[in-house]
Protein backbone atom coordinates (compact mmCIF):
# COMPACT_ATOMS: atom_id res chain seq x y z
CA UNK A 1 -13.70 -160.11 35.19
CA UNK A 2 -14.45 -161.74 31.98
CA UNK A 3 -16.99 -165.06 31.19
CA UNK A 4 -17.18 -166.17 28.06
CA UNK A 5 -20.07 -164.93 26.23
CA UNK A 6 -20.49 -162.16 28.51
CA UNK A 7 -19.10 -158.56 28.73
CA UNK A 8 -17.30 -156.72 31.97
CA UNK A 9 -19.56 -157.85 34.09
CA UNK A 10 -21.20 -154.94 35.72
CA UNK A 11 -23.65 -155.11 39.43
CA UNK A 12 -26.99 -152.82 39.19
CA UNK A 13 -25.37 -151.21 40.85
CA UNK A 14 -25.23 -151.81 44.35
CA UNK A 15 -25.05 -154.63 46.73
CA UNK A 16 -26.06 -153.97 50.14
CA UNK A 17 -26.93 -156.18 53.11
CA UNK A 18 -27.03 -156.77 56.73
CA UNK A 19 -24.93 -158.71 58.78
CA UNK A 20 -23.99 -158.61 62.67
CA UNK A 21 -26.66 -155.17 62.79
CA UNK A 22 -24.53 -153.36 60.53
CA UNK A 23 -24.82 -152.45 56.76
CA UNK A 24 -22.09 -152.76 53.86
CA UNK A 25 -21.99 -151.16 50.71
CA UNK A 26 -19.72 -152.84 48.11
CA UNK A 27 -19.30 -151.58 44.25
CA UNK A 28 -17.22 -151.46 41.18
CA UNK A 29 -17.53 -151.39 37.44
CA UNK A 30 -16.24 -155.24 37.47
CA UNK A 31 -17.43 -158.19 39.65
CA UNK A 32 -15.34 -157.77 42.31
CA UNK A 33 -14.87 -154.50 44.75
CA UNK A 34 -11.92 -152.55 44.53
CA UNK A 35 -12.96 -151.08 47.98
CA UNK A 36 -15.57 -150.95 50.52
CA UNK A 37 -17.32 -148.67 52.48
CA UNK A 38 -18.35 -150.21 55.61
CA UNK A 39 -20.86 -148.24 57.96
CA UNK A 40 -21.33 -149.24 61.66
CA UNK A 41 -20.22 -152.94 60.97
CA UNK A 42 -18.93 -155.10 63.50
CA UNK A 43 -17.06 -157.56 61.58
CA UNK A 44 -14.83 -155.88 58.20
CA UNK A 45 -13.23 -158.73 57.34
CA UNK A 46 -16.10 -161.21 56.95
CA UNK A 47 -18.41 -158.44 55.53
CA UNK A 48 -16.03 -158.13 52.74
CA UNK A 49 -15.71 -161.29 52.29
CA UNK A 50 -19.22 -162.13 51.88
CA UNK A 51 -19.76 -158.94 49.55
CA UNK A 52 -16.64 -160.67 47.23
CA UNK A 53 -18.93 -163.72 47.13
CA UNK A 54 -21.87 -162.34 46.68
CA UNK A 55 -20.79 -160.39 43.45
CA UNK A 56 -19.13 -163.22 42.12
CA UNK A 57 -22.11 -165.28 42.05
CA UNK A 58 -24.40 -162.79 40.75
CA UNK A 59 -21.76 -162.31 38.02
CA UNK A 60 -22.30 -165.72 37.55
CA UNK A 61 -26.25 -165.33 36.43
CA UNK A 62 -24.89 -161.85 34.36
CA UNK A 63 -27.26 -161.04 30.99
CA UNK A 64 -25.50 -161.89 28.04
CA UNK A 65 -25.53 -159.59 25.27
CA UNK A 66 -28.54 -160.58 23.22
CA UNK A 67 -30.05 -158.96 19.79
CA UNK A 68 -33.68 -159.06 19.79
CA UNK A 69 -36.68 -157.22 18.23
CA UNK A 70 -38.43 -154.06 19.80
CA UNK A 71 -40.87 -152.96 17.72
CA UNK A 72 -41.40 -153.26 14.17
CA UNK A 73 -41.87 -149.74 11.97
CA UNK A 74 -41.49 -149.34 8.30
CA UNK A 75 -38.02 -147.73 7.18
CA UNK A 76 -36.89 -146.31 10.24
CA UNK A 77 -34.30 -144.03 9.94
CA UNK A 78 -32.80 -141.74 13.19
CA UNK A 79 -32.98 -142.82 17.01
CA UNK A 80 -33.15 -141.02 20.62
CA UNK A 81 -34.06 -141.92 23.93
CA UNK A 82 -35.41 -139.11 26.05
CA UNK A 83 -34.74 -139.12 29.66
CA UNK A 84 -38.14 -140.88 30.81
CA UNK A 85 -36.95 -144.06 28.68
CA UNK A 86 -39.22 -143.21 25.69
CA UNK A 87 -37.50 -144.19 21.99
CA UNK A 88 -38.26 -141.90 19.25
CA UNK A 89 -37.73 -142.50 15.77
CA UNK A 90 -38.48 -140.71 12.30
CA UNK A 91 -40.07 -143.55 9.93
CA UNK A 92 -41.11 -143.82 6.36
CA UNK A 93 -44.33 -145.76 4.78
CA UNK A 94 -45.93 -145.46 1.76
CA UNK A 95 -44.47 -145.91 -1.70
CA UNK A 96 -46.22 -143.34 -3.73
CA UNK A 97 -46.77 -140.85 -2.06
CA UNK A 98 -44.29 -141.16 0.97
CA UNK A 99 -45.68 -140.41 4.23
CA UNK A 100 -42.82 -139.50 7.06
CA UNK A 101 -43.72 -139.90 10.77
CA UNK A 102 -41.95 -139.10 14.14
CA UNK A 103 -43.06 -141.45 16.55
CA UNK A 104 -42.38 -141.59 19.94
CA UNK A 105 -42.19 -145.48 21.72
CA UNK A 106 -43.07 -146.24 24.86
CA UNK A 107 -40.30 -148.79 27.15
CA UNK A 108 -43.51 -151.09 26.62
CA UNK A 109 -43.61 -151.22 23.03
CA UNK A 110 -46.20 -148.94 22.39
CA UNK A 111 -46.23 -146.26 18.95
CA UNK A 112 -47.48 -143.34 18.78
CA UNK A 113 -47.50 -140.97 15.68
CA UNK A 114 -46.28 -137.49 16.81
CA UNK A 115 -45.75 -135.60 14.19
CA UNK A 116 -46.83 -136.92 9.98
CA UNK A 117 -45.94 -134.80 7.13
CA UNK A 118 -45.96 -135.52 2.76
CA UNK A 119 -42.47 -134.74 3.02
CA UNK A 120 -39.13 -135.91 4.53
CA UNK A 121 -38.72 -136.33 8.06
CA UNK A 122 -34.93 -136.11 8.84
CA UNK A 123 -32.79 -136.35 11.96
CA UNK A 124 -33.74 -134.89 15.02
CA UNK A 125 -32.88 -133.94 18.51
CA UNK A 126 -35.35 -133.81 21.86
CA UNK A 127 -35.20 -132.57 25.47
CA UNK A 128 -37.95 -132.23 27.74
CA UNK A 129 -40.22 -130.22 25.98
CA UNK A 130 -39.15 -129.53 22.40
CA UNK A 131 -38.20 -131.25 19.10
CA UNK A 132 -35.89 -129.80 16.34
CA UNK A 133 -36.38 -131.81 13.50
CA UNK A 134 -34.85 -131.54 9.89
CA UNK A 135 -37.20 -131.33 6.82
CA UNK A 136 -36.52 -132.03 3.50
CA UNK A 137 -32.42 -132.37 3.38
CA UNK A 138 -32.15 -130.64 0.05
CA UNK A 139 -34.41 -127.52 1.19
CA UNK A 140 -32.46 -127.08 4.16
CA UNK A 141 -35.33 -126.53 6.45
CA UNK A 142 -35.34 -127.32 10.72
CA UNK A 143 -38.59 -127.20 12.10
CA UNK A 144 -39.43 -126.63 15.75
CA UNK A 145 -41.90 -128.62 17.30
CA UNK A 146 -43.55 -129.46 21.11
CA UNK A 147 -43.91 -132.99 22.05
CA UNK A 148 -47.55 -132.69 20.89
CA UNK A 149 -46.46 -132.17 17.10
CA UNK A 150 -47.28 -128.68 17.42
CA UNK A 151 -45.32 -126.59 15.18
CA UNK A 152 -43.71 -123.85 17.29
CA UNK A 153 -40.76 -122.29 14.60
CA UNK A 154 -38.30 -123.11 11.38
CA UNK A 155 -34.55 -122.13 10.73
CA UNK A 156 -33.06 -122.65 7.31
CA UNK A 157 -29.90 -124.43 7.76
CA UNK A 158 -27.77 -125.67 4.58
CA UNK A 159 -27.31 -129.93 5.04
CA UNK A 160 -29.13 -130.69 8.26
CA UNK A 161 -28.47 -133.85 9.74
CA UNK A 162 -27.71 -134.92 13.13
CA UNK A 163 -28.94 -132.96 16.02
CA UNK A 164 -27.87 -132.60 19.65
CA UNK A 165 -30.54 -130.53 21.96
CA UNK A 166 -29.82 -129.47 25.05
CA UNK A 167 -32.02 -128.75 28.21
CA UNK A 168 -31.93 -125.13 27.71
CA UNK A 169 -32.77 -125.00 23.55
CA UNK A 170 -29.13 -124.84 22.46
CA UNK A 171 -28.57 -126.95 19.66
CA UNK A 172 -25.61 -128.45 17.64
CA UNK A 173 -26.18 -129.57 14.26
CA UNK A 174 -23.82 -131.59 11.77
CA UNK A 175 -23.90 -129.66 8.57
CA UNK A 176 -22.82 -132.80 6.15
CA UNK A 177 -22.31 -131.36 2.83
CA UNK A 178 -20.36 -128.46 3.81
CA UNK A 179 -18.33 -130.33 6.22
CA UNK A 180 -19.28 -128.53 9.39
CA UNK A 181 -20.61 -128.43 13.07
CA UNK A 182 -22.74 -125.69 14.00
CA UNK A 183 -23.83 -124.57 17.23
CA UNK A 184 -27.21 -122.86 17.47
CA UNK A 185 -28.53 -120.74 20.62
CA UNK A 186 -32.28 -120.20 21.85
CA UNK A 187 -32.44 -116.60 20.01
CA UNK A 188 -31.08 -118.58 16.54
CA UNK A 189 -27.90 -116.64 16.20
CA UNK A 190 -25.34 -119.67 15.44
CA UNK A 191 -21.60 -120.20 16.10
CA UNK A 192 -19.73 -122.67 13.78
CA UNK A 193 -17.75 -124.91 15.98
CA UNK A 194 -15.96 -126.98 13.48
CA UNK A 195 -15.71 -127.34 9.93
CA UNK A 196 -13.00 -128.37 6.68
CA UNK A 197 -10.75 -131.74 6.74
CA UNK A 198 -11.15 -134.43 7.92
CA UNK A 199 -14.93 -133.91 7.93
CA UNK A 200 -16.40 -135.03 4.73
CA UNK A 201 -20.24 -135.72 4.67
CA UNK A 202 -20.36 -136.25 8.34
CA UNK A 203 -23.43 -137.03 9.12
CA UNK A 204 -23.17 -138.18 12.72
CA UNK A 205 -23.19 -136.31 16.09
CA UNK A 206 -22.73 -137.69 19.72
CA UNK A 207 -21.27 -136.02 22.49
CA UNK A 208 -19.28 -137.36 26.23
CA UNK A 209 -19.08 -136.78 29.57
CA UNK A 210 -16.47 -134.06 28.83
CA UNK A 211 -17.99 -132.01 26.15
CA UNK A 212 -16.11 -133.15 23.23
CA UNK A 213 -18.17 -134.03 19.89
CA UNK A 214 -17.64 -137.42 17.79
CA UNK A 215 -18.95 -137.61 14.42
CA UNK A 216 -18.47 -140.17 11.33
CA UNK A 217 -18.09 -139.24 7.61
CA UNK A 218 -20.88 -140.83 5.14
CA UNK A 219 -18.85 -142.21 2.61
CA UNK A 220 -14.67 -142.77 3.90
CA UNK A 221 -15.61 -144.24 7.28
CA UNK A 222 -13.34 -142.00 9.23
CA UNK A 223 -14.32 -141.54 12.62
CA UNK A 224 -13.52 -138.30 14.33
CA UNK A 225 -13.25 -136.12 17.68
CA UNK A 226 -14.09 -132.32 17.69
CA UNK A 227 -13.25 -130.26 20.68
CA UNK A 228 -16.30 -127.06 20.71
CA UNK A 229 -14.09 -124.59 22.53
CA UNK A 230 -11.08 -125.05 19.83
CA UNK A 231 -12.56 -126.54 17.09
CA UNK A 232 -9.71 -129.10 16.67
CA UNK A 233 -10.51 -132.00 14.92
CA UNK A 234 -8.59 -135.39 15.59
CA UNK A 235 -9.19 -138.41 13.41
CA UNK A 236 -9.95 -141.38 15.78
CA UNK A 237 -10.17 -144.39 13.34
CA UNK A 238 -10.67 -145.13 9.78
CA UNK A 239 -13.61 -147.99 9.82
CA UNK A 240 -14.22 -150.43 6.59
CA UNK A 241 -15.90 -148.74 3.78
CA UNK A 242 -19.28 -149.64 2.32
CA UNK A 243 -21.53 -148.74 -0.87
CA UNK A 244 -23.77 -146.89 -0.98
CA UNK A 245 -23.02 -145.43 2.60
CA UNK A 246 -20.28 -146.83 5.10
CA UNK A 247 -21.64 -145.55 8.32
CA UNK A 248 -24.65 -144.57 9.93
CA UNK A 249 -25.83 -142.57 13.07
CA UNK A 250 -23.22 -143.01 15.82
CA UNK A 251 -23.63 -143.12 20.37
CA UNK A 252 -21.18 -142.62 22.17
CA UNK A 253 -21.15 -144.58 25.80
CA UNK A 254 -18.27 -145.00 28.73
CA UNK A 255 -14.99 -144.24 26.19
CA UNK A 256 -16.83 -146.12 23.12
CA UNK A 257 -18.51 -145.12 19.98
CA UNK A 258 -21.11 -147.74 18.57
CA UNK A 259 -21.30 -146.99 15.27
CA UNK A 260 -23.86 -148.53 12.42
CA UNK A 261 -22.36 -149.77 9.01
CA UNK A 262 -23.29 -150.34 5.82
CA UNK A 263 -21.88 -153.89 6.17
CA UNK A 264 -24.34 -154.83 8.04
CA UNK A 265 -22.87 -154.49 11.44
CA UNK A 266 -22.10 -152.34 14.40
CA UNK A 267 -18.67 -151.33 15.40
CA UNK A 268 -17.27 -150.45 19.07
CA UNK A 269 -14.80 -147.56 18.50
CA UNK A 270 -12.39 -146.50 21.31
CA UNK A 271 -12.39 -143.10 21.82
CA UNK A 272 -9.05 -143.13 23.30
CA UNK A 273 -8.11 -144.05 19.47
CA UNK A 274 -6.73 -147.64 20.14
CA UNK A 275 -8.61 -149.12 17.88
CA UNK A 276 -12.01 -150.87 16.83
CA UNK A 277 -13.72 -153.94 16.59
CA UNK A 278 -16.82 -155.57 15.08
CA UNK A 279 -19.52 -155.65 17.80
CA UNK A 280 -22.41 -157.56 16.58
CA UNK A 281 -23.78 -158.61 12.98
CA UNK A 282 -21.51 -160.15 10.00
CA UNK A 283 -19.48 -158.16 8.27
CA UNK A 284 -21.00 -158.54 4.38
CA UNK A 285 -23.63 -160.52 5.19
CA UNK A 286 -27.15 -159.26 5.65
CA UNK A 287 -30.00 -161.09 7.30
CA UNK A 288 -32.40 -160.85 10.39
CA UNK A 289 -30.95 -163.24 12.59
CA UNK A 290 -31.41 -162.44 16.68
CA UNK A 291 -29.80 -164.03 19.71
CA UNK A 292 -25.96 -163.52 20.91
CA UNK A 293 -24.41 -160.86 19.67
CA UNK A 294 -21.45 -163.07 18.18
CA UNK A 295 -23.89 -164.86 16.16
CA UNK A 296 -26.85 -162.13 15.08
CA UNK A 297 -27.38 -161.11 11.69
CA UNK A 298 -28.39 -157.34 10.48
CA UNK A 299 -29.80 -155.81 7.51
CA UNK A 300 -29.07 -152.14 7.30
CA UNK A 301 -28.46 -150.55 10.58
CA UNK A 302 -28.82 -146.86 10.79
CA UNK A 303 -28.97 -145.53 13.96
CA UNK A 304 -28.35 -146.29 17.55
CA UNK A 305 -29.05 -145.02 20.85
CA UNK A 306 -28.74 -146.19 24.70
CA UNK A 307 -31.51 -146.50 27.33
CA UNK A 308 -31.26 -143.81 30.55
CA UNK A 309 -29.66 -146.92 32.38
CA UNK A 310 -27.39 -147.96 29.39
CA UNK A 311 -28.33 -151.61 30.13
CA UNK A 312 -29.75 -151.58 26.09
CA UNK A 313 -28.21 -150.46 23.42
CA UNK A 314 -31.17 -149.64 20.41
CA UNK A 315 -30.80 -149.72 16.94
CA UNK A 316 -32.68 -148.92 13.63
CA UNK A 317 -32.42 -151.65 11.19
CA UNK A 318 -33.99 -150.23 8.33
CA UNK A 319 -33.38 -153.30 6.05
CA UNK A 320 -35.78 -155.24 8.02
CA UNK A 321 -38.45 -152.59 9.06
CA UNK A 322 -37.52 -152.63 12.50
CA UNK A 323 -35.73 -151.00 15.79
CA UNK A 324 -34.30 -153.84 17.44
CA UNK A 325 -32.14 -153.62 20.95
CA UNK A 326 -29.19 -155.29 22.46
CA UNK A 327 -29.91 -155.97 26.38
CA UNK A 328 -27.11 -157.50 28.59
CA UNK A 329 -24.96 -154.42 27.80
CA UNK A 330 -23.83 -154.29 31.93
CA UNK A 331 -22.53 -150.73 31.36
CA UNK A 332 -23.89 -149.37 34.78
CA UNK A 333 -21.50 -147.34 36.51
CA UNK A 334 -19.81 -148.81 40.07
CA UNK A 335 -20.80 -146.84 42.73
CA UNK A 336 -18.35 -145.30 44.85
CA UNK A 337 -16.07 -145.40 41.88
CA UNK A 338 -15.08 -141.47 42.02
CA UNK A 339 -13.23 -140.40 38.33
CA UNK A 340 -11.67 -137.26 38.62
CA UNK A 341 -10.03 -135.11 36.44
CA UNK A 342 -8.31 -131.80 36.87
CA UNK A 343 -6.91 -130.61 39.98
CA UNK A 344 -10.09 -130.00 41.68
CA UNK A 345 -11.31 -132.45 44.55
CA UNK A 346 -15.26 -132.92 44.92
CA UNK A 347 -17.62 -134.56 47.71
CA UNK A 348 -20.34 -136.28 46.56
CA UNK A 349 -23.11 -137.77 49.02
CA UNK A 350 -25.04 -139.58 49.57
CA UNK A 351 -24.37 -142.03 46.27
CA UNK A 352 -26.41 -143.52 45.32
CA UNK A 353 -29.00 -140.98 45.95
CA UNK A 354 -32.92 -140.66 46.46
CA UNK A 355 -33.68 -136.96 46.82
CA UNK A 356 -31.00 -134.77 46.91
CA UNK A 357 -27.40 -135.09 46.57
CA UNK A 358 -24.64 -132.40 48.22
CA UNK A 359 -21.69 -131.44 46.00
CA UNK A 360 -18.94 -130.13 48.39
CA UNK A 361 -15.39 -128.68 47.09
CA UNK A 362 -12.46 -129.68 49.15
CA UNK A 363 -10.54 -126.79 47.76
CA UNK A 364 -11.81 -123.37 50.14
CA UNK A 365 -10.39 -121.16 47.70
CA UNK A 366 -12.67 -122.14 44.73
CA UNK A 367 -16.11 -122.25 44.23
CA UNK A 368 -19.00 -123.82 42.08
CA UNK A 369 -19.67 -122.04 38.84
CA UNK A 370 -22.12 -125.07 36.94
CA UNK A 371 -22.91 -128.67 37.79
CA UNK A 372 -24.01 -130.73 34.80
CA UNK A 373 -25.62 -134.20 34.70
CA UNK A 374 -25.01 -135.98 31.91
CA UNK A 375 -26.55 -139.57 30.87
CA UNK A 376 -25.15 -142.51 29.79
CA UNK A 377 -25.37 -141.59 26.37
CA UNK A 378 -23.73 -138.61 26.99
CA UNK A 379 -27.05 -136.54 26.57
CA UNK A 380 -26.67 -133.24 29.05
CA UNK A 381 -30.31 -133.50 31.00
CA UNK A 382 -29.37 -130.58 33.46
CA UNK A 383 -27.50 -127.91 34.06
CA UNK A 384 -27.10 -125.71 36.62
CA UNK A 385 -25.04 -122.22 36.92
CA UNK A 386 -24.38 -121.65 40.94
CA UNK A 387 -24.46 -118.17 42.24
CA UNK A 388 -21.05 -116.67 42.89
CA UNK A 389 -18.85 -117.75 46.02
CA UNK A 390 -20.70 -121.05 47.00
CA UNK A 391 -18.48 -123.78 47.75
CA UNK A 392 -21.39 -126.39 48.35
CA UNK A 393 -24.43 -127.22 46.48
CA UNK A 394 -27.10 -129.29 47.29
CA UNK A 395 -28.64 -130.94 43.77
CA UNK A 396 -32.39 -131.92 43.76
CA UNK A 397 -31.92 -135.28 42.19
CA UNK A 398 -35.61 -135.94 42.94
CA UNK A 399 -36.13 -134.69 39.14
CA UNK A 400 -34.08 -137.17 37.61
CA UNK A 401 -35.36 -140.70 36.58
CA UNK A 402 -33.68 -143.85 37.93
CA UNK A 403 -30.24 -144.23 36.25
CA UNK A 404 -26.74 -143.58 36.24
CA UNK A 405 -25.35 -140.20 35.71
CA UNK A 406 -22.34 -138.27 35.26
CA UNK A 407 -21.98 -135.38 37.21
CA UNK A 408 -19.24 -132.41 35.37
CA UNK A 409 -18.54 -129.86 38.08
CA UNK A 410 -16.46 -126.42 36.88
CA UNK A 411 -15.13 -124.22 39.41
CA UNK A 412 -14.24 -120.56 39.94
CA UNK A 413 -10.54 -121.60 38.21
CA UNK A 414 -11.57 -123.59 35.42
CA UNK A 415 -10.87 -126.72 36.77
CA UNK A 416 -13.34 -129.63 36.08
CA UNK A 417 -14.00 -132.92 38.36
CA UNK A 418 -16.58 -135.55 36.97
CA UNK A 419 -17.95 -138.34 39.16
CA UNK A 420 -20.55 -140.74 38.51
CA UNK A 421 -23.61 -141.40 40.97
CA UNK A 422 -26.84 -143.72 40.70
CA UNK A 423 -30.11 -142.47 41.35
CA UNK A 424 -32.33 -144.73 42.82
CA UNK A 425 -35.98 -145.52 41.89
């Protein structure tokens, strides 16, 4: 459903109510449910009708997409959100000499410097215990630290830029001057996943729920999809260019890429290669104006990252010395809206979940090989390899913060199934 000034309105994430001694769960990714599952109901038609009315009324009160200040920090650069909702940012202060920091910002905006150096701190990746952060770009050094800022290890890599760090310690890094995407295993052995044209100073890195990577070129503004299994590179689109840089550090969310531009705006790119649109800001018009995404003005957006729920998009606006946020993104996943790919069928229940979610294969001739839990921004927050021969697995969802997630199941026949779940509380 479209309402002027609103994106696709989405309920967060369920509506439930008691009626006539029964309970109803009604869900969908837009305002009106495509289907209802009635449990112990006494009057199915009346309950479905009430659900439609209730969801439509709630949609009228949906929050518009609004740009606002989050915190003030000087010259903010890269941005990550951990699974606990903390925002991490590297930034530079001073003039001569400069001092660089990596800071942790709590959801209520309290800033704490974790790492401080008198040399450049660049892009970084983070998991629950570890940070890999690039040092001076020209020196090609990447540092491993814990969340207290203690240095644990170092590694030399030419032209290190964007990093994605998995829970098991595997990480992926864009080496922009080489036109390369590299995988680094926990033992620090490395594997080049993709290189060469159209990669050309590819500084950014994002990943979707299917394991595909996305990057964009700093200067010629090309947005590229990378299949890590084959190294195949697909040009999705070419965005408008700018000087001194065209594009910053993008983020993926539910089929779209959000890309900061040197043209003082954010673009939204469809990963299906159907095109792009101006998301917020006015092209070639710098400013510092909050409010509706339709009228907001940005100065120098560099990096973007989604909150754990996907309802907020954070971005660094270096020219305004701020981290800003766009609320009301309305991208929560609809419960009971299974999305399956491949030839395998799975059941996931209960959904929403509080403690444990059961994952069951419908085909008795297959077994589960691995289960990945993926956040709304495409980050793998948990990975499990299942013992051989098991077709039913109880996943302890109580280890996850409340948010929407994608569950990716790989079977013994190499088939993949993807479904969305919502973790409550």
